[in-house]
Structure formats: C-alpha cells, structure tokens
C-alpha cells in the first residue's frame, strides 16, 4: 500500500522535503511507518518518538487530518502528517 507522508517544521528539514509517498505492507501501523521513515532518513533516528512508542514522544502525528496513535493501522491512500508539539500561552 502507499501512504503519503507530510513533514512539518524540523521534520521537513530532517527529511529534506515536504512530503513523499512511502510503500508499506498491508496491515502496517503508524509505528511501522515511523521505522520505515528512520530507514529512509537516518536523521530521524535522533528524534524522540517515545520509549516503545508511548506518549512521551516529541512528535504529533495525524492520519487523514485527525490525531493518531502509533498503534493505528494504516490504509492505502492515507495521509500521515508529522509535526512537532506546539505550546502557547
């Protein structure tokens, strides 16, 4: 299956592009996608994706416009966005 990945802020800099299509086996989850991104872009290996992909990750991920967890199963044609957490006050 093909998944479109959009990178924002520092993730765009690490990937060297704003978006790309990534091929994954059927049944892959977001955690599998992150591992594939680390293979394609070794710069991502230094990012904090959380111990065992828990909530301590220093990244927000959306799937088709909604916040997503690392355990969500992907479907062909999904759009996944990676962006850093924001804070305000």
PDB file of N, CA and C in Angstrom:
ATOM      1  N   UNK A   1       0.846  -1.177   0.000  1.00  0.00           N
ATOM      2  CA  UNK A   1       0.000   0.000   0.000  1.00  0.00           C
ATOM      3  C   UNK A   1       0.890   1.239   0.000  1.00  0.00           C
ATOM      4  N   UNK A   2       0.335   2.328  -0.464  1.00  0.00           N
ATOM      5  CA  UNK A   2       1.063   3.601  -0.490  1.00  0.00           C
ATOM      6  C   UNK A   2       0.430   4.569   0.504  1.00  0.00           C
ATOM      7  N   UNK A   3       1.305   5.241   1.272  1.00  0.00           N
ATOM      8  CA  UNK A   3       0.880   6.230   2.246  1.00  0.00           C
ATOM      9  C   UNK A   3       1.630   7.518   1.947  1.00  0.00           C
ATOM     10  N   UNK A   4       0.919   8.626   1.929  1.00  0.00           N
ATOM     11  CA  UNK A   4       1.573   9.919   1.732  1.00  0.00           C
ATOM     12  C   UNK A   4       1.950  10.475   3.104  1.00  0.00           C
ATOM     13  N   UNK A   5       3.200  10.884   3.238  1.00  0.00           N
ATOM     14  CA  UNK A   5       3.688  11.452   4.499  1.00  0.00           C
ATOM     15  C   UNK A   5       4.018  12.911   4.262  1.00  0.00           C
ATOM     16  N   UNK A   6       3.488  13.756   5.120  1.00  0.00           N
ATOM     17  CA  UNK A   6       3.785  15.196   5.066  1.00  0.00           C
ATOM     18  C   UNK A   6       4.597  15.563   6.300  1.00  0.00           C
ATOM     19  N   UNK A   7       5.684  16.294   6.062  1.00  0.00           N
ATOM     20  CA  UNK A   7       6.585  16.696   7.135  1.00  0.00           C
ATOM     21  C   UNK A   7       6.457  18.195   7.381  1.00  0.00           C
ATOM     22  N   UNK A   8       6.430  18.580   8.655  1.00  0.00           N
ATOM     23  CA  UNK A   8       6.316  19.987   9.013  1.00  0.00           C
ATOM     24  C   UNK A   8       7.454  20.380   9.952  1.00  0.00           C
ATOM     25  N   UNK A   9       7.812  21.668   9.904  1.00  0.00           N
ATOM     26  CA  UNK A   9       8.818  22.269  10.787  1.00  0.00           C
ATOM     27  C   UNK A   9      10.132  21.482  10.712  1.00  0.00           C
ATOM     28  N   UNK A  10      10.687  21.096  11.862  1.00  0.00           N
ATOM     29  CA  UNK A  10      12.006  20.459  11.851  1.00  0.00           C
ATOM     30  C   UNK A  10      11.990  19.116  11.134  1.00  0.00           C
ATOM     31  N   UNK A  11      10.848  18.455  11.073  1.00  0.00           N
ATOM     32  CA  UNK A  11      10.777  17.173  10.370  1.00  0.00           C
ATOM     33  C   UNK A  11      10.957  17.373   8.864  1.00  0.00           C
ATOM     34  N   UNK A  12      10.503  18.497   8.354  1.00  0.00           N
ATOM     35  CA  UNK A  12      10.711  18.830   6.945  1.00  0.00           C
ATOM     36  C   UNK A  12      12.202  19.001   6.673  1.00  0.00           C
ATOM     37  N   UNK A  13      12.890  19.662   7.597  1.00  0.00           N
ATOM     38  CA  UNK A  13      14.328  19.852   7.449  1.00  0.00           C
ATOM     39  C   UNK A  13      15.064  18.513   7.495  1.00  0.00           C
ATOM     40  N   UNK A  14      14.667  17.638   8.413  1.00  0.00           N
ATOM     41  CA  UNK A  14      15.325  16.338   8.533  1.00  0.00           C
ATOM     42  C   UNK A  14      15.113  15.479   7.289  1.00  0.00           C
ATOM     43  N   UNK A  15      13.906  15.506   6.746  1.00  0.00           N
ATOM     44  CA  UNK A  15      13.596  14.701   5.562  1.00  0.00           C
ATOM     45  C   UNK A  15      14.134  15.336   4.286  1.00  0.00           C
ATOM     46  N   UNK A  16      14.352  16.641   4.315  1.00  0.00           N
ATOM     47  CA  UNK A  16      14.812  17.333   3.117  1.00  0.00           C
ATOM     48  C   UNK A  16      13.723  17.520   2.080  1.00  0.00           C
ATOM     49  N   UNK A  17      12.477  17.358   2.506  1.00  0.00           N
ATOM     50  CA  UNK A  17      11.332  17.528   1.598  1.00  0.00           C
ATOM     51  C   UNK A  17      10.073  17.727   2.426  1.00  0.00           C
ATOM     52  N   UNK A  18       9.047  18.245   1.805  1.00  0.00           N
ATOM     53  CA  UNK A  18       7.793  18.496   2.499  1.00  0.00           C
ATOM     54  C   UNK A  18       6.867  17.301   2.548  1.00  0.00           C
ATOM     55  N   UNK A  19       6.974  16.410   1.551  1.00  0.00           N
ATOM     56  CA  UNK A  19       6.142  15.220   1.544  1.00  0.00           C
ATOM     57  C   UNK A  19       6.731  14.176   0.625  1.00  0.00           C
ATOM     58  N   UNK A  20       6.281  12.960   0.845  1.00  0.00           N
ATOM     59  CA  UNK A  20       6.702  11.851  -0.001  1.00  0.00           C
ATOM     60  C   UNK A  20       5.712  10.708   0.147  1.00  0.00           C
ATOM     61  N   UNK A  21       5.725   9.806  -0.827  1.00  0.00           N
ATOM     62  CA  UNK A  21       4.910   8.603  -0.763  1.00  0.00           C
ATOM     63  C   UNK A  21       5.790   7.447  -0.324  1.00  0.00           C
ATOM     64  N   UNK A  22       5.295   6.658   0.614  1.00  0.00           N
ATOM     65  CA  UNK A  22       6.055   5.529   1.131  1.00  0.00           C
ATOM     66  C   UNK A  22       5.238   4.257   0.950  1.00  0.00           C
ATOM     67  N   UNK A  23       5.894   3.221   0.439  1.00  0.00           N
ATOM     68  CA  UNK A  23       5.261   1.910   0.280  1.00  0.00           C
ATOM     69  C   UNK A  23       5.437   1.108   1.555  1.00  0.00           C
ATOM     70  N   UNK A  24       4.358   0.510   2.007  1.00  0.00           N
ATOM     71  CA  UNK A  24       4.361  -0.328   3.210  1.00  0.00           C
ATOM     72  C   UNK A  24       3.541  -1.585   2.948  1.00  0.00           C
ATOM     73  N   UNK A  25       3.832  -2.665   3.674  1.00  0.00           N
ATOM     74  CA  UNK A  25       2.994  -3.863   3.541  1.00  0.00           C
ATOM     75  C   UNK A  25       1.589  -3.608   4.101  1.00  0.00           C
ATOM     76  N   UNK A  26       0.604  -4.282   3.550  1.00  0.00           N
ATOM     77  CA  UNK A  26      -0.754  -4.196   4.086  1.00  0.00           C
ATOM     78  C   UNK A  26      -0.734  -4.569   5.560  1.00  0.00           C
ATOM     79  N   UNK A  27      -1.548  -3.903   6.353  1.00  0.00           N
ATOM     80  CA  UNK A  27      -1.627  -4.176   7.784  1.00  0.00           C
ATOM     81  C   UNK A  27      -0.616  -3.399   8.619  1.00  0.00           C
ATOM     82  N   UNK A  28       0.194  -2.562   7.981  1.00  0.00           N
ATOM     83  CA  UNK A  28       1.185  -1.777   8.728  1.00  0.00           C
ATOM     84  C   UNK A  28       0.499  -0.758   9.614  1.00  0.00           C
ATOM     85  N   UNK A  29       1.156  -0.450  10.722  1.00  0.00           N
ATOM     86  CA  UNK A  29       0.663   0.548  11.657  1.00  0.00           C
ATOM     87  C   UNK A  29       1.553   1.782  11.575  1.00  0.00           C
ATOM     88  N   UNK A  30       1.130   2.827  12.238  1.00  0.00           N
ATOM     89  CA  UNK A  30       1.914   4.066  12.218  1.00  0.00           C
ATOM     90  C   UNK A  30       3.322   3.821  12.756  1.00  0.00           C
ATOM     91  N   UNK A  31       3.476   2.982  13.783  1.00  0.00           N
ATOM     92  CA  UNK A  31       4.813   2.672  14.305  1.00  0.00           C
ATOM     93  C   UNK A  31       5.699   2.068  13.212  1.00  0.00           C
ATOM     94  N   UNK A  32       5.120   1.249  12.319  1.00  0.00           N
ATOM     95  CA  UNK A  32       5.875   0.664  11.210  1.00  0.00           C
ATOM     96  C   UNK A  32       6.297   1.736  10.213  1.00  0.00           C
ATOM     97  N   UNK A  33       5.399   2.680   9.994  1.00  0.00           N
ATOM     98  CA  UNK A  33       5.723   3.804   9.115  1.00  0.00           C
ATOM     99  C   UNK A  33       6.891   4.605   9.679  1.00  0.00           C
ATOM    100  N   UNK A  34       6.873   4.875  10.976  1.00  0.00           N
ATOM    101  CA  UNK A  34       7.964   5.635  11.599  1.00  0.00           C
ATOM    102  C   UNK A  34       9.280   4.885  11.426  1.00  0.00           C
ATOM    103  N   UNK A  35       9.273   3.581  11.586  1.00  0.00           N
ATOM    104  CA  UNK A  35      10.503   2.795  11.402  1.00  0.00           C
ATOM    105  C   UNK A  35      10.985   2.881   9.953  1.00  0.00           C
ATOM    106  N   UNK A  36      10.072   2.864   9.009  1.00  0.00           N
ATOM    107  CA  UNK A  36      10.437   2.995   7.593  1.00  0.00           C
ATOM    108  C   UNK A  36      11.026   4.382   7.325  1.00  0.00           C
ATOM    109  N   UNK A  37      10.442   5.413   7.932  1.00  0.00           N
ATOM    110  CA  UNK A  37      10.972   6.774   7.774  1.00  0.00           C
ATOM    111  C   UNK A  37      12.396   6.838   8.318  1.00  0.00           C
ATOM    112  N   UNK A  38      12.652   6.184   9.448  1.00  0.00           N
ATOM    113  CA  UNK A  38      14.010   6.157  10.018  1.00  0.00           C
ATOM    114  C   UNK A  38      14.997   5.470   9.080  1.00  0.00           C
ATOM    115  N   UNK A  39      14.535   4.444   8.351  1.00  0.00           N
ATOM    116  CA  UNK A  39      15.388   3.772   7.366  1.00  0.00           C
ATOM    117  C   UNK A  39      15.704   4.704   6.205  1.00  0.00           C
ATOM    118  N   UNK A  40      14.677   5.385   5.715  1.00  0.00           N
ATOM    119  CA  UNK A  40      14.841   6.266   4.564  1.00  0.00           C
ATOM    120  C   UNK A  40      15.613   7.535   4.905  1.00  0.00           C
ATOM    121  N   UNK A  41      15.448   8.025   6.125  1.00  0.00           N
ATOM    122  CA  UNK A  41      16.058   9.286   6.571  1.00  0.00           C
ATOM    123  C   UNK A  41      16.724   9.050   7.930  1.00  0.00           C
ATOM    124  N   UNK A  42      17.975   8.601   7.938  1.00  0.00           N
ATOM    125  CA  UNK A  42      18.652   8.279   9.200  1.00  0.00           C
ATOM    126  C   UNK A  42      18.673   9.432  10.208  1.00  0.00           C
ATOM    127  N   UNK A  43      18.496  10.657   9.749  1.00  0.00           N
ATOM    128  CA  UNK A  43      18.471  11.808  10.649  1.00  0.00           C
ATOM    129  C   UNK A  43      17.341  11.693  11.675  1.00  0.00           C
ATOM    130  N   UNK A  44      16.308  10.959  11.342  1.00  0.00           N
ATOM    131  CA  UNK A  44      15.164  10.788  12.245  1.00  0.00           C
ATOM    132  C   UNK A  44      15.493   9.890  13.437  1.00  0.00           C
ATOM    133  N   UNK A  45      16.572   9.125  13.348  1.00  0.00           N
ATOM    134  CA  UNK A  45      16.918   8.212  14.440  1.00  0.00           C
ATOM    135  C   UNK A  45      17.221   8.966  15.731  1.00  0.00           C
ATOM    136  N   UNK A  46      17.625  10.239  15.642  1.00  0.00           N
ATOM    137  CA  UNK A  46      17.918  11.037  16.826  1.00  0.00           C
ATOM    138  C   UNK A  46      16.699  11.706  17.427  1.00  0.00           C
ATOM    139  N   UNK A  47      15.553  11.598  16.769  1.00  0.00           N
ATOM    140  CA  UNK A  47      14.333  12.218  17.275  1.00  0.00           C
ATOM    141  C   UNK A  47      13.704  11.350  18.356  1.00  0.00           C
ATOM    142  N   UNK A  48      12.945  11.968  19.253  1.00  0.00           N
ATOM    143  CA  UNK A  48      12.319  11.249  20.357  1.00  0.00           C
ATOM    144  C   UNK A  48      10.917  10.819  19.942  1.00  0.00           C
ATOM    145  N   UNK A  49      10.787   9.547  19.588  1.00  0.00           N
ATOM    146  CA  UNK A  49       9.480   9.002  19.232  1.00  0.00           C
ATOM    147  C   UNK A  49       8.868   8.241  20.393  1.00  0.00           C
ATOM    148  N   UNK A  50       9.462   8.356  21.570  1.00  0.00           N
ATOM    149  CA  UNK A  50       8.925   7.713  22.761  1.00  0.00           C
ATOM    150  C   UNK A  50       9.464   6.310  22.937  1.00  0.00           C
ATOM    151  N   UNK A  51       9.715   5.950  24.178  1.00  0.00           N
ATOM    152  CA  UNK A  51      10.154   4.597  24.500  1.00  0.00           C
ATOM    153  C   UNK A  51       9.028   3.640  24.148  1.00  0.00           C
ATOM    154  N   UNK A  52       9.295   2.712  23.274  1.00  0.00           N
ATOM    155  CA  UNK A  52       8.268   1.761  22.818  1.00  0.00           C
ATOM    156  C   UNK A  52       7.035   2.489  22.276  1.00  0.00           C
ATOM    157  N   UNK A  53       7.248   3.663  21.698  1.00  0.00           N
ATOM    158  CA  UNK A  53       6.169   4.438  21.086  1.00  0.00           C
ATOM    159  C   UNK A  53       5.042   4.747  22.063  1.00  0.00           C
ATOM    160  N   UNK A  54       5.426   5.288  23.215  1.00  0.00           N
ATOM    161  CA  UNK A  54       4.428   5.682  24.199  1.00  0.00           C
ATOM    162  C   UNK A  54       4.119   7.173  24.053  1.00  0.00           C
ATOM    163  N   UNK A  55       3.434   7.724  25.031  1.00  0.00           N
ATOM    164  CA  UNK A  55       3.007   9.113  24.942  1.00  0.00           C
ATOM    165  C   UNK A  55       4.109  10.126  25.226  1.00  0.00           C
ATOM    166  N   UNK A  56       5.343   9.669  25.481  1.00  0.00           N
ATOM    167  CA  UNK A  56       6.438  10.604  25.728  1.00  0.00           C
ATOM    168  C   UNK A  56       7.081  11.089  24.435  1.00  0.00           C
ATOM    169  N   UNK A  57       6.525  10.723  23.314  1.00  0.00           N
ATOM    170  CA  UNK A  57       7.091  11.110  22.027  1.00  0.00           C
ATOM    171  C   UNK A  57       7.070  12.617  21.847  1.00  0.00           C
ATOM    172  N   UNK A  58       8.124  13.116  21.225  1.00  0.00           N
ATOM    173  CA  UNK A  58       8.239  14.542  20.947  1.00  0.00           C
ATOM    174  C   UNK A  58       7.795  14.825  19.515  1.00  0.00           C
ATOM    175  N   UNK A  59       6.628  14.281  19.174  1.00  0.00           N
ATOM    176  CA  UNK A  59       6.084  14.436  17.831  1.00  0.00           C
ATOM    177  C   UNK A  59       4.564  14.290  17.912  1.00  0.00           C
ATOM    178  N   UNK A  60       3.881  15.024  17.082  1.00  0.00           N
ATOM    179  CA  UNK A  60       2.446  14.830  16.894  1.00  0.00           C
ATOM    180  C   UNK A  60       2.264  14.180  15.534  1.00  0.00           C
ATOM    181  N   UNK A  61       1.345  13.247  15.474  1.00  0.00           N
ATOM    182  CA  UNK A  61       1.080  12.549  14.226  1.00  0.00           C
ATOM    183  C   UNK A  61      -0.410  12.606  13.954  1.00  0.00           C
ATOM    184  N   UNK A  62      -0.742  12.950  12.721  1.00  0.00           N
ATOM    185  CA  UNK A  62      -2.149  12.900  12.328  1.00  0.00           C
ATOM    186  C   UNK A  62      -2.297  11.935  11.159  1.00  0.00           C
ATOM    187  N   UNK A  63      -3.460  11.331  11.089  1.00  0.00           N
ATOM    188  CA  UNK A  63      -3.812  10.439   9.979  1.00  0.00           C
ATOM    189  C   UNK A  63      -5.113  10.956   9.395  1.00  0.00           C
ATOM    190  N   UNK A  64      -5.040  11.374   8.153  1.00  0.00           N
ATOM    191  CA  UNK A  64      -6.213  11.903   7.457  1.00  0.00           C
ATOM    192  C   UNK A  64      -6.850  13.056   8.232  1.00  0.00           C
ATOM    193  N   UNK A  65      -6.005  13.917   8.810  1.00  0.00           N
ATOM    194  CA  UNK A  65      -6.486  15.129   9.461  1.00  0.00           C
ATOM    195  C   UNK A  65      -6.872  14.992  10.917  1.00  0.00           C
ATOM    196  N   UNK A  66      -6.709  13.810  11.515  1.00  0.00           N
ATOM    197  CA  UNK A  66      -7.047  13.604  12.931  1.00  0.00           C
ATOM    198  C   UNK A  66      -5.830  13.059  13.664  1.00  0.00           C
ATOM    199  N   UNK A  67      -5.659  13.507  14.904  1.00  0.00           N
ATOM    200  CA  UNK A  67      -4.552  12.983  15.695  1.00  0.00           C
ATOM    201  C   UNK A  67      -4.633  11.465  15.739  1.00  0.00           C
ATOM    202  N   UNK A  68      -3.468  10.828  15.679  1.00  0.00           N
ATOM    203  CA  UNK A  68      -3.414   9.376  15.602  1.00  0.00           C
ATOM    204  C   UNK A  68      -2.430   8.815  16.619  1.00  0.00           C
ATOM    205  N   UNK A  69      -2.637   7.559  16.979  1.00  0.00           N
ATOM    206  CA  UNK A  69      -1.707   6.866  17.872  1.00  0.00           C
ATOM    207  C   UNK A  69      -0.790   5.984  17.030  1.00  0.00           C
ATOM    208  N   UNK A  70       0.303   5.556  17.645  1.00  0.00           N
ATOM    209  CA  UNK A  70       1.266   4.715  16.947  1.00  0.00           C
ATOM    210  C   UNK A  70       0.691   3.341  16.617  1.00  0.00           C
ATOM    211  N   UNK A  71      -0.380   2.949  17.286  1.00  0.00           N
ATOM    212  CA  UNK A  71      -0.971   1.622  17.077  1.00  0.00           C
ATOM    213  C   UNK A  71      -2.033   1.586  15.980  1.00  0.00           C
ATOM    214  N   UNK A  72      -2.349   2.736  15.396  1.00  0.00           N
ATOM    215  CA  UNK A  72      -3.390   2.751  14.363  1.00  0.00           C
ATOM    216  C   UNK A  72      -2.909   2.070  13.094  1.00  0.00           C
ATOM    217  N   UNK A  73      -3.795   1.245  12.538  1.00  0.00           N
ATOM    218  CA  UNK A  73      -3.489   0.560  11.282  1.00  0.00           C
ATOM    219  C   UNK A  73      -3.723   1.517  10.120  1.00  0.00           C
ATOM    220  N   UNK A  74      -2.796   1.510   9.192  1.00  0.00           N
ATOM    221  CA  UNK A  74      -2.871   2.377   8.024  1.00  0.00           C
ATOM    222  C   UNK A  74      -3.619   1.687   6.894  1.00  0.00           C
ATOM    223  N   UNK A  75      -4.191   2.500   6.025  1.00  0.00           N
ATOM    224  CA  UNK A  75      -4.875   2.008   4.838  1.00  0.00           C
ATOM    225  C   UNK A  75      -4.235   2.658   3.601  1.00  0.00           C
ATOM    226  N   UNK A  76      -4.347   1.999   2.473  1.00  0.00           N
ATOM    227  CA  UNK A  76      -3.819   2.539   1.232  1.00  0.00           C
ATOM    228  C   UNK A  76      -4.419   3.919   0.966  1.00  0.00           C
ATOM    229  N   UNK A  77      -3.566   4.878   0.653  1.00  0.00           N
ATOM    230  CA  UNK A  77      -4.025   6.234   0.350  1.00  0.00           C
ATOM    231  C   UNK A  77      -4.103   7.163   1.541  1.00  0.00           C
ATOM    232  N   UNK A  78      -3.820   6.663   2.748  1.00  0.00           N
ATOM    233  CA  UNK A  78      -3.829   7.531   3.928  1.00  0.00           C
ATOM    234  C   UNK A  78      -2.811   8.655   3.781  1.00  0.00           C
ATOM    235  N   UNK A  79      -3.106   9.764   4.441  1.00  0.00           N
ATOM    236  CA  UNK A  79      -2.179  10.895   4.523  1.00  0.00           C
ATOM    237  C   UNK A  79      -1.795  11.047   5.984  1.00  0.00           C
ATOM    238  N   UNK A  80      -0.509  10.908   6.251  1.00  0.00           N
ATOM    239  CA  UNK A  80       0.017  10.985   7.612  1.00  0.00           C
ATOM    240  C   UNK A  80       0.911  12.215   7.689  1.00  0.00           C
ATOM    241  N   UNK A  81       0.701  13.025   8.722  1.00  0.00           N
ATOM    242  CA  UNK A  81       1.499  14.222   8.918  1.00  0.00           C
ATOM    243  C   UNK A  81       2.289  14.105  10.224  1.00  0.00           C
ATOM    244  N   UNK A  82       3.571  14.498  10.175  1.00  0.00           N
ATOM    245  CA  UNK A  82       4.422  14.552  11.355  1.00  0.00           C
ATOM    246  C   UNK A  82       4.745  15.999  11.631  1.00  0.00           C
ATOM    247  N   UNK A  83       4.476  16.442  12.861  1.00  0.00           N
ATOM    248  CA  UNK A  83       4.788  17.826  13.232  1.00  0.00           C
ATOM    249  C   UNK A  83       5.122  17.884  14.712  1.00  0.00           C
ATOM    250  N   UNK A  84       5.982  18.846  15.077  1.00  0.00           N
ATOM    251  CA  UNK A  84       6.372  18.946  16.483  1.00  0.00           C
ATOM    252  C   UNK A  84       5.228  19.486  17.330  1.00  0.00           C
ATOM    253  N   UNK A  85       5.249  19.157  18.635  1.00  0.00           N
ATOM    254  CA  UNK A  85       4.244  19.726  19.535  1.00  0.00           C
ATOM    255  C   UNK A  85       4.399  21.232  19.589  1.00  0.00           C
ATOM    256  N   UNK A  86       3.299  21.900  19.803  1.00  0.00           N
ATOM    257  CA  UNK A  86       3.345  23.349  19.942  1.00  0.00           C
ATOM    258  C   UNK A  86       2.898  23.729  21.346  1.00  0.00           C
ATOM    259  N   UNK A  87       3.366  24.859  21.778  1.00  0.00           N
ATOM    260  CA  UNK A  87       2.922  25.359  23.076  1.00  0.00           C
ATOM    261  C   UNK A  87       2.624  26.839  22.924  1.00  0.00           C
ATOM    262  N   UNK A  88       1.817  27.309  23.776  1.00  0.00           N
ATOM    263  CA  UNK A  88       1.447  28.711  23.710  1.00  0.00           C
ATOM    264  C   UNK A  88       1.072  29.198  25.103  1.00  0.00           C
ATOM    265  N   UNK A  89       0.763  30.441  25.149  1.00  0.00           N
ATOM    266  CA  UNK A  89       0.407  30.904  26.474  1.00  0.00           C
ATOM    267  C   UNK A  89      -0.151  32.287  26.450  1.00  0.00           C
TER     268      UNK A  89
END
